[in-house]
């Protein structure tokens, strides 16, 4: 459950920053679309742990797009790159990690 909560929290910041920070319309759409996809994939990853690697792919694509898209402000770039790094790091942890630790006690 923590995996989903962390992903929803990070995606919420991503959605807020899409509209609060100066973005181009294209980058705003891409960031907002990623913010909506991440929690959906996180819920699916609770059933199929391998699906978390879709979040890794989304994070890498988001980071690459932030580096390549012109006209995005520095604040929006830095914020989105930090969020992409957090999503990538979080997606490396299995959603069932907490259940496995509890079962071993």
N, C-alpha and C. Protein backbone atom coordinates (compact mmCIF):
# COMPACT_ATOMS: atom_id res chain seq x y z
N UNK A 1 0.82 -1.20 0.00
CA UNK A 1 0.00 0.00 0.00
C UNK A 1 0.87 1.26 0.00
N UNK A 2 2.03 1.18 0.66
CA UNK A 2 2.91 2.34 0.68
C UNK A 2 3.38 2.71 -0.72
N UNK A 3 3.61 1.70 -1.56
CA UNK A 3 4.05 1.92 -2.93
C UNK A 3 3.04 2.78 -3.67
N UNK A 4 1.78 2.45 -3.53
CA UNK A 4 0.73 3.21 -4.21
C UNK A 4 0.63 4.62 -3.64
N UNK A 5 0.70 4.73 -2.32
CA UNK A 5 0.60 6.05 -1.69
C UNK A 5 1.73 6.97 -2.11
N UNK A 6 2.96 6.45 -2.15
CA UNK A 6 4.09 7.27 -2.59
C UNK A 6 3.92 7.70 -4.05
N UNK A 7 3.50 6.78 -4.88
CA UNK A 7 3.30 7.12 -6.29
C UNK A 7 2.20 8.16 -6.47
N UNK A 8 1.12 8.03 -5.72
CA UNK A 8 0.04 9.02 -5.81
C UNK A 8 0.52 10.38 -5.32
N UNK A 9 1.29 10.39 -4.25
CA UNK A 9 1.83 11.66 -3.73
C UNK A 9 2.76 12.34 -4.72
N UNK A 10 3.65 11.57 -5.32
CA UNK A 10 4.57 12.15 -6.30
C UNK A 10 3.82 12.60 -7.55
N UNK A 11 2.84 11.81 -7.98
CA UNK A 11 2.05 12.19 -9.15
C UNK A 11 1.21 13.45 -8.87
N UNK A 12 0.78 13.62 -7.64
CA UNK A 12 0.03 14.83 -7.28
C UNK A 12 0.92 16.06 -7.42
N UNK A 13 2.16 15.95 -6.93
CA UNK A 13 3.07 17.08 -7.10
C UNK A 13 3.33 17.34 -8.59
N UNK A 14 3.45 16.28 -9.35
CA UNK A 14 3.69 16.43 -10.78
C UNK A 14 2.52 17.17 -11.44
N UNK A 15 1.30 16.83 -11.06
CA UNK A 15 0.13 17.49 -11.62
C UNK A 15 0.05 18.96 -11.20
N UNK A 16 0.33 19.23 -9.94
CA UNK A 16 0.30 20.61 -9.46
C UNK A 16 1.38 21.44 -10.16
N UNK A 17 2.57 20.86 -10.30
CA UNK A 17 3.65 21.61 -10.94
C UNK A 17 3.42 21.82 -12.43
N UNK A 18 2.63 20.96 -13.04
CA UNK A 18 2.32 21.15 -14.47
C UNK A 18 1.58 22.46 -14.71
N UNK A 19 0.75 22.84 -13.76
CA UNK A 19 -0.04 24.05 -13.93
C UNK A 19 0.50 25.24 -13.14
N UNK A 20 1.27 24.98 -12.08
CA UNK A 20 1.77 26.07 -11.25
C UNK A 20 3.08 26.66 -11.79
N UNK A 21 3.88 25.84 -12.42
CA UNK A 21 5.17 26.31 -12.94
C UNK A 21 5.03 26.66 -14.41
N UNK A 22 5.87 27.59 -14.90
CA UNK A 22 5.75 28.00 -16.30
C UNK A 22 6.21 26.90 -17.26
N UNK A 23 5.26 26.29 -17.93
CA UNK A 23 5.49 25.25 -18.92
C UNK A 23 4.93 25.70 -20.26
N UNK A 24 5.41 25.08 -21.32
CA UNK A 24 4.79 25.27 -22.63
C UNK A 24 3.54 24.40 -22.66
N UNK A 25 2.62 24.65 -23.57
CA UNK A 25 1.42 23.79 -23.64
C UNK A 25 1.76 22.32 -23.86
N UNK A 26 2.77 22.05 -24.66
CA UNK A 26 3.16 20.66 -24.92
C UNK A 26 3.70 20.01 -23.66
N UNK A 27 4.60 20.69 -22.97
CA UNK A 27 5.16 20.10 -21.75
C UNK A 27 4.10 19.98 -20.66
N UNK A 28 3.17 20.94 -20.60
CA UNK A 28 2.10 20.86 -19.62
C UNK A 28 1.24 19.62 -19.86
N UNK A 29 0.92 19.36 -21.13
CA UNK A 29 0.13 18.18 -21.45
C UNK A 29 0.88 16.90 -21.10
N UNK A 30 2.15 16.82 -21.44
CA UNK A 30 2.92 15.61 -21.18
C UNK A 30 3.09 15.34 -19.68
N UNK A 31 3.34 16.39 -18.93
CA UNK A 31 3.50 16.24 -17.48
C UNK A 31 2.17 15.85 -16.84
N UNK A 32 1.08 16.49 -17.25
CA UNK A 32 -0.23 16.15 -16.69
C UNK A 32 -0.65 14.73 -17.07
N UNK A 33 -0.38 14.33 -18.30
CA UNK A 33 -0.73 12.96 -18.72
C UNK A 33 0.06 11.94 -17.93
N UNK A 34 1.34 12.21 -17.69
CA UNK A 34 2.15 11.31 -16.87
C UNK A 34 1.62 11.26 -15.44
N UNK A 35 1.20 12.42 -14.93
CA UNK A 35 0.67 12.47 -13.56
C UNK A 35 -0.61 11.64 -13.43
N UNK A 36 -1.38 11.53 -14.48
CA UNK A 36 -2.59 10.70 -14.43
C UNK A 36 -2.27 9.23 -14.65
N UNK A 37 -1.25 8.92 -15.43
CA UNK A 37 -0.91 7.52 -15.71
C UNK A 37 -0.20 6.82 -14.56
N UNK A 38 0.63 7.54 -13.83
CA UNK A 38 1.43 6.91 -12.78
C UNK A 38 0.57 6.23 -11.70
N UNK A 39 -0.45 6.87 -11.13
CA UNK A 39 -1.25 6.17 -10.12
C UNK A 39 -2.00 4.96 -10.69
N UNK A 40 -2.43 5.04 -11.94
CA UNK A 40 -3.13 3.91 -12.56
C UNK A 40 -2.18 2.71 -12.69
N UNK A 41 -0.97 2.98 -13.15
CA UNK A 41 0.02 1.91 -13.28
C UNK A 41 0.43 1.39 -11.90
N UNK A 42 0.51 2.28 -10.91
CA UNK A 42 0.86 1.85 -9.55
C UNK A 42 -0.20 0.91 -8.98
N UNK A 43 -1.46 1.20 -9.24
CA UNK A 43 -2.52 0.29 -8.79
C UNK A 43 -2.40 -1.07 -9.48
N UNK A 44 -2.12 -1.05 -10.77
CA UNK A 44 -1.95 -2.29 -11.52
C UNK A 44 -0.71 -3.05 -11.05
N UNK A 45 0.32 -2.32 -10.63
CA UNK A 45 1.55 -2.96 -10.15
C UNK A 45 1.33 -3.67 -8.82
N UNK A 46 0.29 -3.31 -8.09
CA UNK A 46 -0.04 -4.04 -6.86
C UNK A 46 -0.45 -5.47 -7.16
N UNK A 47 -1.03 -5.70 -8.33
CA UNK A 47 -1.45 -7.04 -8.75
C UNK A 47 -0.33 -7.72 -9.53
N UNK A 48 0.27 -7.00 -10.45
CA UNK A 48 1.37 -7.52 -11.29
C UNK A 48 2.62 -6.67 -11.01
N UNK A 49 3.50 -7.13 -10.13
CA UNK A 49 4.66 -6.31 -9.74
C UNK A 49 5.56 -5.89 -10.90
N UNK A 50 5.58 -6.65 -11.97
CA UNK A 50 6.39 -6.28 -13.13
C UNK A 50 5.91 -5.02 -13.82
N UNK A 51 4.68 -4.63 -13.58
CA UNK A 51 4.12 -3.44 -14.22
C UNK A 51 4.78 -2.17 -13.70
N UNK A 52 5.48 -2.28 -12.58
CA UNK A 52 6.14 -1.08 -12.04
C UNK A 52 7.21 -0.56 -12.99
N UNK A 53 7.70 -1.42 -13.87
CA UNK A 53 8.72 -0.97 -14.82
C UNK A 53 8.13 -0.05 -15.89
N UNK A 54 6.80 -0.04 -16.03
CA UNK A 54 6.16 0.97 -16.88
C UNK A 54 6.36 2.36 -16.28
N UNK A 55 6.35 2.44 -14.96
CA UNK A 55 6.62 3.72 -14.30
C UNK A 55 8.06 4.13 -14.55
N UNK A 56 8.97 3.16 -14.57
CA UNK A 56 10.37 3.46 -14.89
C UNK A 56 10.47 4.05 -16.29
N UNK A 57 9.77 3.44 -17.23
CA UNK A 57 9.79 3.94 -18.61
C UNK A 57 9.18 5.33 -18.70
N UNK A 58 8.08 5.56 -17.99
CA UNK A 58 7.46 6.89 -17.98
C UNK A 58 8.42 7.93 -17.39
N UNK A 59 9.12 7.55 -16.32
CA UNK A 59 10.06 8.49 -15.69
C UNK A 59 11.22 8.82 -16.62
N UNK A 60 11.74 7.82 -17.30
CA UNK A 60 12.84 8.08 -18.24
C UNK A 60 12.38 8.94 -19.41
N UNK A 61 11.18 8.66 -19.94
CA UNK A 61 10.63 9.46 -21.03
C UNK A 61 10.39 10.90 -20.59
N UNK A 62 9.87 11.06 -19.38
CA UNK A 62 9.60 12.40 -18.85
C UNK A 62 10.91 13.18 -18.69
N UNK A 63 11.94 12.54 -18.17
CA UNK A 63 13.23 13.21 -18.01
C UNK A 63 13.82 13.59 -19.36
N UNK A 64 13.74 12.69 -20.32
CA UNK A 64 14.28 12.98 -21.65
C UNK A 64 13.54 14.13 -22.31
N UNK A 65 12.22 14.13 -22.17
CA UNK A 65 11.44 15.21 -22.78
C UNK A 65 11.72 16.56 -22.13
N UNK A 66 11.93 16.56 -20.82
CA UNK A 66 12.23 17.83 -20.14
C UNK A 66 13.58 18.38 -20.59
N UNK A 67 14.50 17.49 -20.92
CA UNK A 67 15.81 17.94 -21.40
C UNK A 67 15.75 18.42 -22.85
N UNK A 68 14.83 17.86 -23.63
CA UNK A 68 14.79 18.15 -25.06
C UNK A 68 13.79 19.23 -25.46
N UNK A 69 12.71 19.41 -24.70
CA UNK A 69 11.69 20.38 -25.09
C UNK A 69 12.18 21.82 -24.89
N UNK A 70 12.03 22.66 -25.89
CA UNK A 70 12.45 24.06 -25.74
C UNK A 70 11.36 24.89 -25.06
N UNK A 71 11.76 25.96 -24.43
CA UNK A 71 10.81 26.91 -23.87
C UNK A 71 10.30 26.59 -22.49
N UNK A 72 10.76 25.53 -21.88
CA UNK A 72 10.33 25.18 -20.52
C UNK A 72 11.23 25.93 -19.55
N UNK A 73 10.64 26.51 -18.50
CA UNK A 73 11.43 27.29 -17.55
C UNK A 73 12.36 26.38 -16.75
N UNK A 74 13.37 26.99 -16.18
CA UNK A 74 14.34 26.23 -15.39
C UNK A 74 13.68 25.60 -14.16
N UNK A 75 12.78 26.32 -13.53
CA UNK A 75 12.10 25.78 -12.34
C UNK A 75 11.26 24.55 -12.70
N UNK A 76 10.56 24.63 -13.82
CA UNK A 76 9.75 23.49 -14.25
C UNK A 76 10.64 22.30 -14.63
N UNK A 77 11.75 22.59 -15.29
CA UNK A 77 12.68 21.50 -15.66
C UNK A 77 13.23 20.80 -14.43
N UNK A 78 13.72 21.58 -13.48
CA UNK A 78 14.33 21.01 -12.28
C UNK A 78 13.29 20.22 -11.49
N UNK A 79 12.11 20.78 -11.32
CA UNK A 79 11.05 20.09 -10.57
C UNK A 79 10.67 18.78 -11.24
N UNK A 80 10.48 18.81 -12.55
CA UNK A 80 10.08 17.60 -13.26
C UNK A 80 11.19 16.57 -13.29
N UNK A 81 12.43 17.01 -13.41
CA UNK A 81 13.55 16.06 -13.39
C UNK A 81 13.69 15.41 -12.01
N UNK A 82 13.47 16.17 -10.94
CA UNK A 82 13.52 15.58 -9.60
C UNK A 82 12.39 14.58 -9.39
N UNK A 83 11.21 14.91 -9.89
CA UNK A 83 10.08 13.99 -9.78
C UNK A 83 10.34 12.74 -10.61
N UNK A 84 10.90 12.90 -11.80
CA UNK A 84 11.22 11.74 -12.63
C UNK A 84 12.23 10.84 -11.94
N UNK A 85 13.23 11.44 -11.29
CA UNK A 85 14.21 10.64 -10.56
C UNK A 85 13.56 9.91 -9.39
N UNK A 86 12.66 10.58 -8.68
CA UNK A 86 11.97 9.93 -7.56
C UNK A 86 11.08 8.79 -8.05
N UNK A 87 10.37 9.00 -9.14
CA UNK A 87 9.53 7.94 -9.69
C UNK A 87 10.36 6.75 -10.15
N UNK A 88 11.50 7.04 -10.78
CA UNK A 88 12.37 5.96 -11.25
C UNK A 88 12.91 5.16 -10.06
N UNK A 89 13.37 5.85 -9.02
CA UNK A 89 13.89 5.16 -7.84
C UNK A 89 12.80 4.35 -7.15
N UNK A 90 11.62 4.90 -7.05
CA UNK A 90 10.52 4.20 -6.39
C UNK A 90 10.07 2.98 -7.19
N UNK A 91 10.16 3.07 -8.51
CA UNK A 91 9.72 1.95 -9.33
C UNK A 91 10.67 0.77 -9.27
N UNK A 92 11.85 0.97 -8.75
CA UNK A 92 12.79 -0.15 -8.60
C UNK A 92 12.46 -1.03 -7.40
N UNK A 93 11.65 -0.51 -6.48
CA UNK A 93 11.24 -1.27 -5.30
C UNK A 93 9.95 -2.03 -5.62
N UNK A 94 9.91 -3.30 -5.27
CA UNK A 94 8.72 -4.10 -5.54
C UNK A 94 7.55 -3.62 -4.69
N UNK A 95 6.35 -3.54 -5.25
CA UNK A 95 5.17 -3.15 -4.46
C UNK A 95 4.87 -4.15 -3.36
N UNK A 96 5.36 -5.36 -3.48
CA UNK A 96 5.10 -6.39 -2.47
C UNK A 96 6.20 -6.44 -1.41
N UNK A 97 7.13 -5.51 -1.44
CA UNK A 97 8.25 -5.51 -0.51
C UNK A 97 7.76 -5.45 0.94
N UNK A 98 6.78 -4.61 1.23
CA UNK A 98 6.25 -4.50 2.57
C UNK A 98 5.57 -5.77 3.04
N UNK A 99 4.87 -6.45 2.14
CA UNK A 99 4.20 -7.70 2.49
C UNK A 99 5.21 -8.81 2.77
N UNK A 100 6.31 -8.83 2.02
CA UNK A 100 7.32 -9.86 2.23
C UNK A 100 8.01 -9.67 3.57
N UNK A 101 8.27 -8.42 3.97
CA UNK A 101 8.91 -8.16 5.25
C UNK A 101 7.99 -8.55 6.41
N UNK A 102 6.70 -8.32 6.26
CA UNK A 102 5.73 -8.68 7.30
C UNK A 102 5.61 -10.20 7.40
N UNK A 103 5.63 -10.89 6.28
CA UNK A 103 5.47 -12.33 6.27
C UNK A 103 6.66 -13.04 6.91
N UNK A 104 7.83 -12.43 6.89
CA UNK A 104 9.02 -13.07 7.44
C UNK A 104 9.09 -13.00 8.94
N UNK A 105 8.29 -12.19 9.56
CA UNK A 105 8.34 -12.05 11.04
C UNK A 105 7.78 -13.25 11.71
